[in-house]
Protein backbone atom coordinates (compact mmCIF):
# COMPACT_ATOMS: atom_id res chain seq x y z
CA MET A 1 -1.35 10.26 1.15
CA VAL A 2 -1.00 9.29 4.84
CA SER A 3 -3.63 10.20 7.42
CA ALA A 4 -4.55 9.14 10.94
CA VAL A 5 -7.67 7.06 11.68
CA ALA A 6 -8.86 5.31 14.80
CA GLY A 7 -6.41 2.53 15.59
CA GLY A 8 -3.94 3.20 12.81
CA THR A 9 -3.17 4.93 9.54
CA LEU A 10 -4.94 5.33 6.20
CA LEU A 11 -2.87 5.23 2.99
CA ASP A 12 -3.97 6.46 -0.44
CA ILE A 13 -2.39 4.22 -3.07
CA ARG A 14 -2.19 4.22 -6.87
CA VAL A 15 -1.34 0.79 -8.28
CA ILE A 16 0.26 -0.02 -11.62
CA PRO A 17 -0.10 -3.76 -12.29
CA ARG A 18 2.02 -5.86 -14.66
CA ALA A 19 5.23 -3.95 -13.96
CA SER A 20 8.62 -5.57 -14.45
CA ARG A 21 9.06 -5.78 -10.66
CA SER A 22 7.13 -4.86 -7.52
CA ALA A 23 8.29 -1.67 -5.79
CA VAL A 24 7.20 1.67 -4.39
CA ALA A 25 7.80 4.27 -7.10
CA GLY A 26 7.18 7.56 -5.28
CA VAL A 27 4.07 9.72 -5.12
CA ARG A 28 1.63 10.63 -7.90
CA ASP A 29 -1.47 12.83 -7.56
CA GLY A 30 -1.30 12.71 -3.76
CA ALA A 31 -1.15 8.91 -3.61
CA LEU A 32 1.66 6.45 -3.02
CA LEU A 33 2.60 4.96 -6.40
CA VAL A 34 3.18 1.20 -6.23
CA ARG A 35 4.24 -0.88 -9.23
CA LEU A 36 3.26 -4.55 -9.00
CA ALA A 37 4.56 -7.44 -11.07
CA ALA A 38 1.27 -9.28 -10.56
CA ALA A 39 -1.63 -9.02 -12.99
CA PRO A 40 -5.01 -7.77 -11.74
CA VAL A 41 -6.59 -11.21 -12.09
CA ASP A 42 -8.35 -13.12 -9.29
CA GLY A 43 -7.04 -10.73 -6.64
CA ALA A 44 -3.38 -11.43 -7.43
CA ALA A 45 -2.45 -7.73 -7.57
CA ASN A 46 -4.17 -7.04 -4.23
CA ASP A 47 -2.33 -9.97 -2.65
CA ALA A 48 0.97 -8.71 -4.05
CA LEU A 49 0.24 -5.19 -2.78
CA LEU A 50 -0.51 -6.41 0.75
CA ALA A 51 2.60 -8.63 0.80
CA LEU A 52 4.85 -5.81 -0.43
CA LEU A 53 3.53 -3.23 2.03
CA ALA A 54 3.62 -5.69 4.95
CA ALA A 55 7.31 -6.30 4.23
CA LEU A 56 8.12 -2.58 3.79
CA LEU A 57 6.23 -1.51 6.90
CA ASP A 58 7.46 -4.50 8.92
CA VAL A 59 3.95 -5.47 10.06
CA PRO A 60 2.02 -8.73 9.80
CA ARG A 61 -0.15 -8.94 6.70
CA ARG A 62 -3.25 -9.27 8.90
CA ASP A 63 -2.68 -5.64 10.01
CA LEU A 64 -3.34 -4.37 6.47
CA THR A 65 -6.87 -3.96 5.11
CA ILE A 66 -8.06 -2.62 1.76
CA VAL A 67 -10.80 -0.17 2.78
CA SER A 68 -11.84 0.89 -0.72
CA GLY A 69 -10.83 0.41 -4.35
CA GLU A 70 -10.39 -3.34 -4.22
CA ARG A 71 -11.16 -3.62 -7.94
CA GLY A 72 -9.57 -0.35 -9.09
CA ARG A 73 -6.15 1.24 -9.42
CA ARG A 74 -6.84 3.82 -6.68
CA LYS A 75 -7.01 2.18 -3.26
CA ARG A 76 -7.30 3.19 0.38
CA LEU A 77 -5.52 0.89 2.77
CA LYS A 78 -5.66 0.86 6.57
CA VAL A 79 -2.56 -0.05 8.56
CA THR A 80 -3.64 -1.13 12.02
CA GLY A 81 -1.41 -0.34 14.98
CA LEU A 82 1.04 2.10 13.36
CA PRO A 83 0.84 5.89 13.65
CA PRO A 84 1.13 7.99 10.45
CA ALA A 85 4.62 9.27 11.33
CA THR A 86 5.97 5.71 11.59
CA VAL A 87 4.32 4.66 8.31
CA GLN A 88 5.75 7.73 6.55
CA THR A 89 9.25 7.07 7.91
CA ARG A 90 9.23 3.40 6.91
CA LEU A 91 7.95 4.18 3.41
CA GLU A 92 10.58 6.88 2.91
CA GLY A 93 13.27 4.43 4.02
CA SER A 94 12.17 1.94 1.35
CA SER A 95 12.53 4.36 -1.59
């Protein structure tokens, strides 16, 4: 789910759009499960995902990049500037 890469951390994420509210909902199949209130239309779900994770990880949104899966439910996201241990701790604190 969380791994180290040059300059930051890589997160494996599973997104469920059109949920009643946006929140991290645990881990499923080795990926962080994130429920999003936004619909997957015109990038709205991706925007909501980046905003939610930026707030949870306490980083600027510009430090988050979708590496793969931009149009799917499974995504890989890079967090620039934070080590994996810090990302893991902040995500666990949000649950």
